[in-house]
Amino acid sequence: MSIQAGDQAIEFSLPASGGRTVGSKTLAGHPYVLYFYPKADTPGCTREACAFQEALTQFGSLKVAVIGVSPDAMPAIENFAAKYGLSFPLASDAGHELASAYDVWVEKLRYGRHYMGIERSTFLVDGNGKVAQVWRKVTVDGHSAEVAAAVSALTGAASGA
């Protein structure tokens, strides 16, 4: 069963870029964006990550963390973060545990070949650890702006603004 808005977010702790560890316990009490991307340093994933980086000031001013998650090993993630100056954490879910829990580790078909991979998806988690909004099968262009609008609505409603 897929995670939907209103469900409890999945607990996690993963190694991330910059020698960090990111986890739901550290984020408790604060909203965060968890976005899953298929592979570091590929065209779509690069556009998506750079768009989130550009919007980071807006997310930060709303006190909302952004975390990117892929099945890549840490060296590939570190190189990707350094190459594009990505300051938010990019986490490694090499064993696909978190991706499976969020039901984004799926069977894909490309050029007649079946394989397992990440379905590009984003989850907005509120300060109570509940999934506030879900985007599945994300189209990269314009996505970070759509997420930023949802974050603004979430935090504006939470603060009474």
N, C-alpha and C. Protein backbone atom coordinates (compact mmCIF):
# COMPACT_ATOMS: atom_id res chain seq x y z
N MET A 1 0.84 -1.19 0.00
CA MET A 1 0.00 0.00 0.00
C MET A 1 0.88 1.25 0.00
N SER A 2 0.56 2.16 -0.87
CA SER A 2 1.36 3.37 -1.03
C SER A 2 1.13 4.36 0.11
N ILE A 3 2.18 5.06 0.46
CA ILE A 3 2.09 6.15 1.44
C ILE A 3 1.26 7.27 0.82
N GLN A 4 0.32 7.78 1.58
CA GLN A 4 -0.55 8.85 1.10
C GLN A 4 -0.55 10.00 2.10
N ALA A 5 -1.09 11.14 1.66
CA ALA A 5 -1.23 12.28 2.56
C ALA A 5 -2.06 11.85 3.77
N GLY A 6 -1.59 12.24 4.96
CA GLY A 6 -2.26 11.88 6.20
C GLY A 6 -1.60 10.70 6.90
N ASP A 7 -0.81 9.91 6.17
CA ASP A 7 -0.11 8.78 6.77
C ASP A 7 1.08 9.27 7.59
N GLN A 8 1.50 8.46 8.54
CA GLN A 8 2.71 8.74 9.31
C GLN A 8 3.91 8.57 8.38
N ALA A 9 4.85 9.51 8.42
CA ALA A 9 6.06 9.40 7.62
C ALA A 9 6.90 8.23 8.14
N ILE A 10 7.67 7.64 7.27
CA ILE A 10 8.53 6.51 7.60
C ILE A 10 9.77 7.02 8.33
N GLU A 11 10.13 6.35 9.42
CA GLU A 11 11.36 6.72 10.12
C GLU A 11 12.57 6.28 9.29
N PHE A 12 13.62 7.10 9.34
CA PHE A 12 14.83 6.76 8.58
C PHE A 12 16.05 7.43 9.18
N SER A 13 17.19 6.88 8.85
CA SER A 13 18.49 7.47 9.15
C SER A 13 19.43 7.00 8.05
N LEU A 14 19.96 7.95 7.29
CA LEU A 14 20.79 7.60 6.13
C LEU A 14 22.05 8.46 6.08
N PRO A 15 23.13 7.89 5.53
CA PRO A 15 24.33 8.71 5.30
C PRO A 15 24.02 9.71 4.19
N ALA A 16 24.59 10.91 4.31
CA ALA A 16 24.31 11.96 3.33
C ALA A 16 25.57 12.73 2.98
N SER A 17 25.46 13.52 1.92
CA SER A 17 26.58 14.32 1.44
C SER A 17 27.14 15.22 2.53
N GLY A 18 28.39 15.56 2.39
CA GLY A 18 29.04 16.44 3.37
C GLY A 18 29.36 15.74 4.67
N GLY A 19 29.40 14.39 4.66
CA GLY A 19 29.71 13.63 5.86
C GLY A 19 28.59 13.66 6.88
N ARG A 20 27.41 14.03 6.45
CA ARG A 20 26.25 14.13 7.36
C ARG A 20 25.50 12.80 7.45
N THR A 21 24.67 12.72 8.45
CA THR A 21 23.65 11.68 8.56
C THR A 21 22.34 12.43 8.68
N VAL A 22 21.36 12.04 7.88
CA VAL A 22 20.04 12.67 7.97
C VAL A 22 19.05 11.64 8.46
N GLY A 23 18.12 12.10 9.29
CA GLY A 23 17.14 11.16 9.81
C GLY A 23 15.89 11.84 10.31
N SER A 24 14.84 11.06 10.37
CA SER A 24 13.54 11.58 10.81
C SER A 24 13.57 12.05 12.26
N LYS A 25 14.38 11.41 13.10
CA LYS A 25 14.43 11.81 14.52
C LYS A 25 15.02 13.21 14.67
N THR A 26 16.04 13.53 13.89
CA THR A 26 16.65 14.86 13.94
C THR A 26 15.70 15.92 13.39
N LEU A 27 14.86 15.52 12.46
CA LEU A 27 13.93 16.45 11.82
C LEU A 27 12.62 16.59 12.58
N ALA A 28 12.43 15.78 13.60
CA ALA A 28 11.17 15.78 14.35
C ALA A 28 10.80 17.18 14.81
N GLY A 29 9.53 17.52 14.64
CA GLY A 29 9.04 18.83 15.04
C GLY A 29 9.14 19.88 13.96
N HIS A 30 9.78 19.55 12.84
CA HIS A 30 9.95 20.49 11.74
C HIS A 30 9.49 19.83 10.44
N PRO A 31 8.84 20.60 9.56
CA PRO A 31 8.47 20.03 8.26
C PRO A 31 9.72 19.81 7.41
N TYR A 32 9.62 18.85 6.50
CA TYR A 32 10.72 18.60 5.57
C TYR A 32 10.20 18.04 4.26
N VAL A 33 11.02 18.22 3.22
CA VAL A 33 10.74 17.69 1.89
C VAL A 33 11.70 16.54 1.66
N LEU A 34 11.15 15.39 1.32
CA LEU A 34 11.94 14.20 1.02
C LEU A 34 11.67 13.88 -0.44
N TYR A 35 12.69 14.08 -1.29
CA TYR A 35 12.46 13.76 -2.70
C TYR A 35 13.39 12.64 -3.14
N PHE A 36 12.82 11.72 -3.89
CA PHE A 36 13.54 10.54 -4.38
C PHE A 36 13.86 10.77 -5.85
N TYR A 37 15.13 10.55 -6.21
CA TYR A 37 15.55 10.71 -7.60
C TYR A 37 16.32 9.46 -8.03
N PRO A 38 16.23 9.10 -9.32
CA PRO A 38 16.80 7.83 -9.78
C PRO A 38 18.33 7.70 -9.73
N LYS A 39 19.07 8.72 -10.20
CA LYS A 39 20.52 8.55 -10.32
C LYS A 39 21.22 9.89 -10.36
N ALA A 40 22.25 10.02 -9.54
CA ALA A 40 23.04 11.24 -9.48
C ALA A 40 23.69 11.55 -10.82
N ASP A 41 23.75 12.84 -11.12
CA ASP A 41 24.48 13.37 -12.28
C ASP A 41 23.93 12.89 -13.62
N THR A 42 22.62 12.67 -13.68
CA THR A 42 21.96 12.41 -14.96
C THR A 42 21.16 13.68 -15.28
N PRO A 43 20.79 13.90 -16.52
CA PRO A 43 20.17 15.19 -16.89
C PRO A 43 18.94 15.57 -16.06
N GLY A 44 17.97 14.71 -15.94
CA GLY A 44 16.75 15.04 -15.19
C GLY A 44 17.03 15.25 -13.71
N CYS A 45 17.84 14.38 -13.14
CA CYS A 45 18.15 14.48 -11.71
C CYS A 45 18.97 15.73 -11.41
N THR A 46 19.83 16.11 -12.34
CA THR A 46 20.62 17.33 -12.18
C THR A 46 19.71 18.55 -12.21
N ARG A 47 18.79 18.60 -13.18
CA ARG A 47 17.86 19.73 -13.26
C ARG A 47 17.02 19.83 -11.99
N GLU A 48 16.55 18.68 -11.50
CA GLU A 48 15.72 18.67 -10.29
C GLU A 48 16.52 19.16 -9.08
N ALA A 49 17.71 18.63 -8.89
CA ALA A 49 18.54 19.02 -7.75
C ALA A 49 18.91 20.50 -7.80
N CYS A 50 19.27 20.99 -8.97
CA CYS A 50 19.63 22.40 -9.11
C CYS A 50 18.42 23.30 -8.86
N ALA A 51 17.24 22.87 -9.26
CA ALA A 51 16.02 23.65 -9.00
C ALA A 51 15.75 23.71 -7.49
N PHE A 52 15.92 22.59 -6.79
CA PHE A 52 15.75 22.62 -5.34
C PHE A 52 16.82 23.50 -4.69
N GLN A 53 18.05 23.45 -5.21
CA GLN A 53 19.12 24.30 -4.67
C GLN A 53 18.76 25.78 -4.85
N GLU A 54 18.23 26.14 -6.01
CA GLU A 54 17.84 27.53 -6.27
C GLU A 54 16.72 27.99 -5.32
N ALA A 55 15.84 27.07 -4.95
CA ALA A 55 14.71 27.40 -4.08
C ALA A 55 15.06 27.26 -2.60
N LEU A 56 16.29 26.87 -2.30
CA LEU A 56 16.68 26.57 -0.93
C LEU A 56 16.50 27.75 0.03
N THR A 57 16.74 28.96 -0.44
CA THR A 57 16.56 30.14 0.42
C THR A 57 15.11 30.23 0.88
N GLN A 58 14.18 29.99 -0.05
CA GLN A 58 12.76 30.03 0.30
C GLN A 58 12.42 28.94 1.30
N PHE A 59 12.89 27.72 1.05
CA PHE A 59 12.62 26.63 1.99
C PHE A 59 13.23 26.93 3.35
N GLY A 60 14.47 27.42 3.35
CA GLY A 60 15.15 27.73 4.60
C GLY A 60 14.45 28.82 5.40
N SER A 61 13.94 29.84 4.70
CA SER A 61 13.25 30.92 5.41
C SER A 61 11.96 30.41 6.05
N LEU A 62 11.43 29.31 5.53
CA LEU A 62 10.22 28.69 6.10
C LEU A 62 10.59 27.59 7.10
N LYS A 63 11.89 27.44 7.34
CA LYS A 63 12.41 26.42 8.27
C LYS A 63 12.01 25.00 7.85
N VAL A 64 12.15 24.75 6.54
CA VAL A 64 11.82 23.44 5.98
C VAL A 64 13.08 22.88 5.32
N ALA A 65 13.51 21.70 5.77
CA ALA A 65 14.68 21.04 5.21
C ALA A 65 14.30 20.34 3.91
N VAL A 66 15.26 20.25 3.00
CA VAL A 66 15.11 19.50 1.75
C VAL A 66 16.14 18.39 1.77
N ILE A 67 15.70 17.16 1.51
CA ILE A 67 16.60 16.01 1.47
C ILE A 67 16.33 15.24 0.19
N GLY A 68 17.38 15.04 -0.60
CA GLY A 68 17.28 14.22 -1.80
C GLY A 68 17.75 12.81 -1.47
N VAL A 69 17.08 11.80 -2.01
CA VAL A 69 17.42 10.41 -1.72
C VAL A 69 17.53 9.64 -3.03
N SER A 70 18.63 8.91 -3.18
CA SER A 70 18.81 8.05 -4.36
C SER A 70 19.46 6.74 -3.93
N PRO A 71 19.44 5.75 -4.81
CA PRO A 71 20.09 4.48 -4.49
C PRO A 71 21.61 4.50 -4.73
N ASP A 72 22.14 5.65 -5.13
CA ASP A 72 23.58 5.75 -5.40
C ASP A 72 24.41 5.55 -4.14
N ALA A 73 25.63 5.08 -4.33
CA ALA A 73 26.60 4.96 -3.24
C ALA A 73 27.13 6.36 -2.91
N MET A 74 27.66 6.52 -1.71
CA MET A 74 28.11 7.84 -1.25
C MET A 74 29.14 8.51 -2.16
N PRO A 75 30.13 7.81 -2.73
CA PRO A 75 31.08 8.53 -3.59
C PRO A 75 30.39 9.24 -4.77
N ALA A 76 29.43 8.59 -5.41
CA ALA A 76 28.71 9.21 -6.53
C ALA A 76 27.90 10.40 -6.04
N ILE A 77 27.29 10.28 -4.87
CA ILE A 77 26.48 11.37 -4.30
C ILE A 77 27.38 12.55 -3.94
N GLU A 78 28.52 12.29 -3.30
CA GLU A 78 29.45 13.36 -2.94
C GLU A 78 29.94 14.10 -4.19
N ASN A 79 30.28 13.36 -5.23
CA ASN A 79 30.75 13.98 -6.48
C ASN A 79 29.66 14.84 -7.10
N PHE A 80 28.43 14.34 -7.10
CA PHE A 80 27.28 15.06 -7.65
C PHE A 80 27.06 16.37 -6.88
N ALA A 81 27.06 16.29 -5.55
CA ALA A 81 26.85 17.47 -4.71
C ALA A 81 27.94 18.51 -4.94
N ALA A 82 29.19 18.05 -5.01
CA ALA A 82 30.31 18.97 -5.22
C ALA A 82 30.27 19.60 -6.61
N LYS A 83 29.99 18.80 -7.62
CA LYS A 83 29.97 19.28 -9.01
C LYS A 83 28.97 20.41 -9.22
N TYR A 84 27.82 20.34 -8.55
CA TYR A 84 26.76 21.33 -8.76
C TYR A 84 26.55 22.25 -7.56
N GLY A 85 27.42 22.18 -6.55
CA GLY A 85 27.32 23.06 -5.40
C GLY A 85 26.02 22.88 -4.63
N LEU A 86 25.60 21.62 -4.47
CA LEU A 86 24.35 21.31 -3.77
C LEU A 86 24.61 21.29 -2.28
N SER A 87 24.05 22.24 -1.56
CA SER A 87 24.35 22.36 -0.13
C SER A 87 23.38 21.59 0.76
N PHE A 88 22.21 21.21 0.25
CA PHE A 88 21.28 20.43 1.05
C PHE A 88 21.72 18.96 1.01
N PRO A 89 21.32 18.17 2.00
CA PRO A 89 21.78 16.78 2.05
C PRO A 89 21.20 15.90 0.95
N LEU A 90 22.10 15.17 0.32
CA LEU A 90 21.72 14.11 -0.61
C LEU A 90 22.05 12.80 0.09
N ALA A 91 21.05 11.97 0.29
CA ALA A 91 21.23 10.75 1.08
C ALA A 91 21.32 9.52 0.20
N SER A 92 22.06 8.54 0.70
CA SER A 92 22.23 7.26 0.00
C SER A 92 21.32 6.21 0.61
N ASP A 93 20.43 5.69 -0.21
CA ASP A 93 19.55 4.58 0.18
C ASP A 93 19.94 3.38 -0.68
N ALA A 94 21.22 3.00 -0.56
CA ALA A 94 21.77 1.96 -1.42
C ALA A 94 21.05 0.62 -1.31
N GLY A 95 20.49 0.33 -0.15
CA GLY A 95 19.76 -0.92 0.02
C GLY A 95 18.28 -0.82 -0.32
N HIS A 96 17.84 0.36 -0.73
CA HIS A 96 16.46 0.63 -1.16
C HIS A 96 15.42 0.46 -0.06
N GLU A 97 15.83 0.43 1.20
CA GLU A 97 14.87 0.23 2.29
C GLU A 97 13.87 1.38 2.38
N LEU A 98 14.37 2.62 2.36
CA LEU A 98 13.47 3.76 2.47
C LEU A 98 12.61 3.89 1.20
N ALA A 99 13.23 3.73 0.05
CA ALA A 99 12.49 3.80 -1.21
C ALA A 99 11.39 2.73 -1.26
N SER A 100 11.69 1.55 -0.78
CA SER A 100 10.67 0.49 -0.73
C SER A 100 9.55 0.84 0.23
N ALA A 101 9.91 1.39 1.39
CA ALA A 101 8.91 1.76 2.39
C ALA A 101 7.97 2.84 1.86
N TYR A 102 8.50 3.75 1.04
CA TYR A 102 7.67 4.80 0.44
C TYR A 102 7.05 4.34 -0.88
N ASP A 103 7.29 3.10 -1.25
CA ASP A 103 6.74 2.51 -2.47
C ASP A 103 7.17 3.27 -3.73
N VAL A 104 8.45 3.68 -3.74
CA VAL A 104 8.99 4.33 -4.94
C VAL A 104 10.09 3.49 -5.59
N TRP A 105 10.40 2.33 -5.01
CA TRP A 105 11.33 1.38 -5.62
C TRP A 105 10.43 0.43 -6.42
N VAL A 106 10.38 0.65 -7.73
CA VAL A 106 9.38 0.00 -8.57
C VAL A 106 10.01 -0.67 -9.78
N GLU A 107 9.23 -1.56 -10.38
CA GLU A 107 9.66 -2.16 -11.64
C GLU A 107 9.44 -1.15 -12.75
N LYS A 108 10.46 -1.01 -13.59
CA LYS A 108 10.40 -0.08 -14.71
C LYS A 108 10.64 -0.85 -16.00
N LEU A 109 10.29 -0.23 -17.09
CA LEU A 109 10.49 -0.84 -18.41
C LEU A 109 11.13 0.20 -19.31
N ARG A 110 12.27 -0.15 -19.88
CA ARG A 110 12.96 0.77 -20.78
C ARG A 110 13.57 -0.03 -21.92
N TYR A 111 13.24 0.36 -23.13
CA TYR A 111 13.75 -0.33 -24.32
C TYR A 111 13.51 -1.84 -24.24
N GLY A 112 12.33 -2.20 -23.73
CA GLY A 112 11.96 -3.61 -23.65
C GLY A 112 12.59 -4.38 -22.49
N ARG A 113 13.35 -3.69 -21.65
CA ARG A 113 14.02 -4.35 -20.53
C ARG A 113 13.36 -3.96 -19.22
N HIS A 114 13.04 -4.96 -18.41
CA HIS A 114 12.47 -4.72 -17.08
C HIS A 114 13.60 -4.62 -16.06
N TYR A 115 13.50 -3.66 -15.16
CA TYR A 115 14.50 -3.49 -14.11
C TYR A 115 13.85 -2.75 -12.95
N MET A 116 14.50 -2.77 -11.80
CA MET A 116 14.01 -2.05 -10.62
C MET A 116 14.72 -0.70 -10.52
N GLY A 117 13.96 0.32 -10.15
CA GLY A 117 14.54 1.65 -10.01
C GLY A 117 13.61 2.58 -9.24
N ILE A 118 14.07 3.79 -9.05
CA ILE A 118 13.31 4.81 -8.33
C ILE A 118 12.27 5.44 -9.25
N GLU A 119 11.06 5.55 -8.74
CA GLU A 119 10.03 6.35 -9.40
C GLU A 119 10.17 7.75 -8.79
N ARG A 120 10.53 8.72 -9.61
CA ARG A 120 10.77 10.08 -9.13
C ARG A 120 9.53 10.57 -8.36
N SER A 121 9.70 10.80 -7.06
CA SER A 121 8.58 11.15 -6.18
C SER A 121 9.05 12.09 -5.09
N THR A 122 8.11 12.87 -4.56
CA THR A 122 8.42 13.82 -3.49
C THR A 122 7.34 13.72 -2.41
N PHE A 123 7.78 13.84 -1.17
CA PHE A 123 6.88 13.79 -0.01
C PHE A 123 7.15 15.00 0.86
N LEU A 124 6.08 15.73 1.17
CA LEU A 124 6.17 16.85 2.10
C LEU A 124 5.65 16.34 3.44
N VAL A 125 6.51 16.40 4.46
CA VAL A 125 6.17 15.90 5.78
C VAL A 125 6.00 17.10 6.71
N ASP A 126 4.91 17.12 7.48
CA ASP A 126 4.67 18.26 8.37
C ASP A 126 5.43 18.11 9.68
N GLY A 127 5.34 19.09 10.54
CA GLY A 127 6.07 19.10 11.81
C GLY A 127 5.64 18.03 12.78
N ASN A 128 4.51 17.39 12.53
CA ASN A 128 4.03 16.29 13.38
C ASN A 128 4.42 14.92 12.85
N GLY A 129 5.23 14.92 11.77
CA GLY A 129 5.67 13.65 11.20
C GLY A 129 4.64 12.98 10.32
N LYS A 130 3.64 13.73 9.88
CA LYS A 130 2.62 13.20 8.97
C LYS A 130 2.91 13.66 7.55
N VAL A 131 2.64 12.80 6.59
CA VAL A 131 2.81 13.17 5.19
C VAL A 131 1.69 14.16 4.84
N ALA A 132 2.09 15.36 4.45
CA ALA A 132 1.12 16.41 4.13
C ALA A 132 0.74 16.39 2.65
N GLN A 133 1.70 16.04 1.78
CA GLN A 133 1.42 16.02 0.35
C GLN A 133 2.37 15.05 -0.33
N VAL A 134 1.88 14.43 -1.41
CA VAL A 134 2.65 13.44 -2.16
C VAL A 134 2.60 13.80 -3.64
N TRP A 135 3.76 13.74 -4.27
CA TRP A 135 3.86 13.88 -5.72
C TRP A 135 4.54 12.61 -6.23
N ARG A 136 3.87 11.87 -7.09
CA ARG A 136 4.44 10.65 -7.69
C ARG A 136 4.62 10.86 -9.19
N LYS A 137 5.55 10.10 -9.75
CA LYS A 137 5.85 10.21 -11.19
C LYS A 137 6.05 11.67 -11.57
N VAL A 138 6.94 12.31 -10.83
CA VAL A 138 7.20 13.75 -10.96
C VAL A 138 7.79 14.09 -12.32
N THR A 139 7.29 15.18 -12.88
CA THR A 139 7.91 15.83 -14.03
C THR A 139 8.81 16.91 -13.46
N VAL A 140 10.08 16.90 -13.85
CA VAL A 140 11.08 17.77 -13.22
C VAL A 140 10.77 19.25 -13.37
N ASP A 141 10.49 19.68 -14.58
CA ASP A 141 10.33 21.11 -14.84
C ASP A 141 9.14 21.68 -14.06
N GLY A 142 9.40 22.68 -13.24
CA GLY A 142 8.38 23.34 -12.44
C GLY A 142 8.06 22.66 -11.12
N HIS A 143 8.66 21.49 -10.87
CA HIS A 143 8.31 20.73 -9.67
C HIS A 143 8.74 21.44 -8.38
N SER A 144 9.96 21.97 -8.34
CA SER A 144 10.41 22.60 -7.10
C SER A 144 9.53 23.80 -6.75
N ALA A 145 9.04 24.53 -7.75
CA ALA A 145 8.14 25.66 -7.49
C ALA A 145 6.81 25.15 -6.93
N GLU A 146 6.32 24.04 -7.46
CA GLU A 146 5.08 23.46 -6.96
C GLU A 146 5.23 23.02 -5.50
N VAL A 147 6.37 22.41 -5.18
CA VAL A 147 6.64 21.98 -3.81
C VAL A 147 6.78 23.21 -2.90
N ALA A 148 7.48 24.24 -3.39
CA ALA A 148 7.65 25.46 -2.59
C ALA A 148 6.30 26.10 -2.28
N ALA A 149 5.37 26.08 -3.23
CA ALA A 149 4.03 26.63 -2.99
C ALA A 149 3.30 25.81 -1.92
N ALA A 150 3.44 24.50 -1.97
CA ALA A 150 2.80 23.64 -0.97
C ALA A 150 3.43 23.87 0.41
N VAL A 151 4.74 24.06 0.45
CA VAL A 151 5.44 24.34 1.71
C VAL A 151 4.96 25.65 2.29
N SER A 152 4.83 26.67 1.45
CA SER A 152 4.35 27.98 1.90
C SER A 152 2.94 27.85 2.47
N ALA A 153 2.09 27.11 1.79
CA ALA A 153 0.72 26.91 2.27
C ALA A 153 0.72 26.16 3.61
N LEU A 154 1.56 25.14 3.72
CA LEU A 154 1.64 24.35 4.95
C LEU A 154 2.14 25.19 6.12
N THR A 155 3.23 25.90 5.90
CA THR A 155 3.81 26.66 7.00
C THR A 155 2.99 27.90 7.30
N GLY A 156 2.35 28.48 6.30
CA GLY A 156 1.49 29.63 6.52
C GLY A 156 0.28 29.25 7.36
N ALA A 157 -0.28 28.08 7.06
CA ALA A 157 -1.44 27.59 7.83
C ALA A 157 -1.01 27.25 9.25
N ALA A 158 0.21 26.70 9.39
CA ALA A 158 0.68 26.29 10.72
C ALA A 158 0.96 27.51 11.60
N SER A 159 1.41 28.60 10.97
CA SER A 159 1.75 29.77 11.78
C SER A 159 0.59 30.76 11.88
N GLY A 160 -0.50 30.44 11.20
CA GLY A 160 -1.66 31.32 11.25
C GLY A 160 -1.54 32.53 10.35
N ALA A 161 -0.58 32.51 9.44
CA ALA A 161 -0.39 33.64 8.52
C ALA A 161 -1.40 33.61 7.38
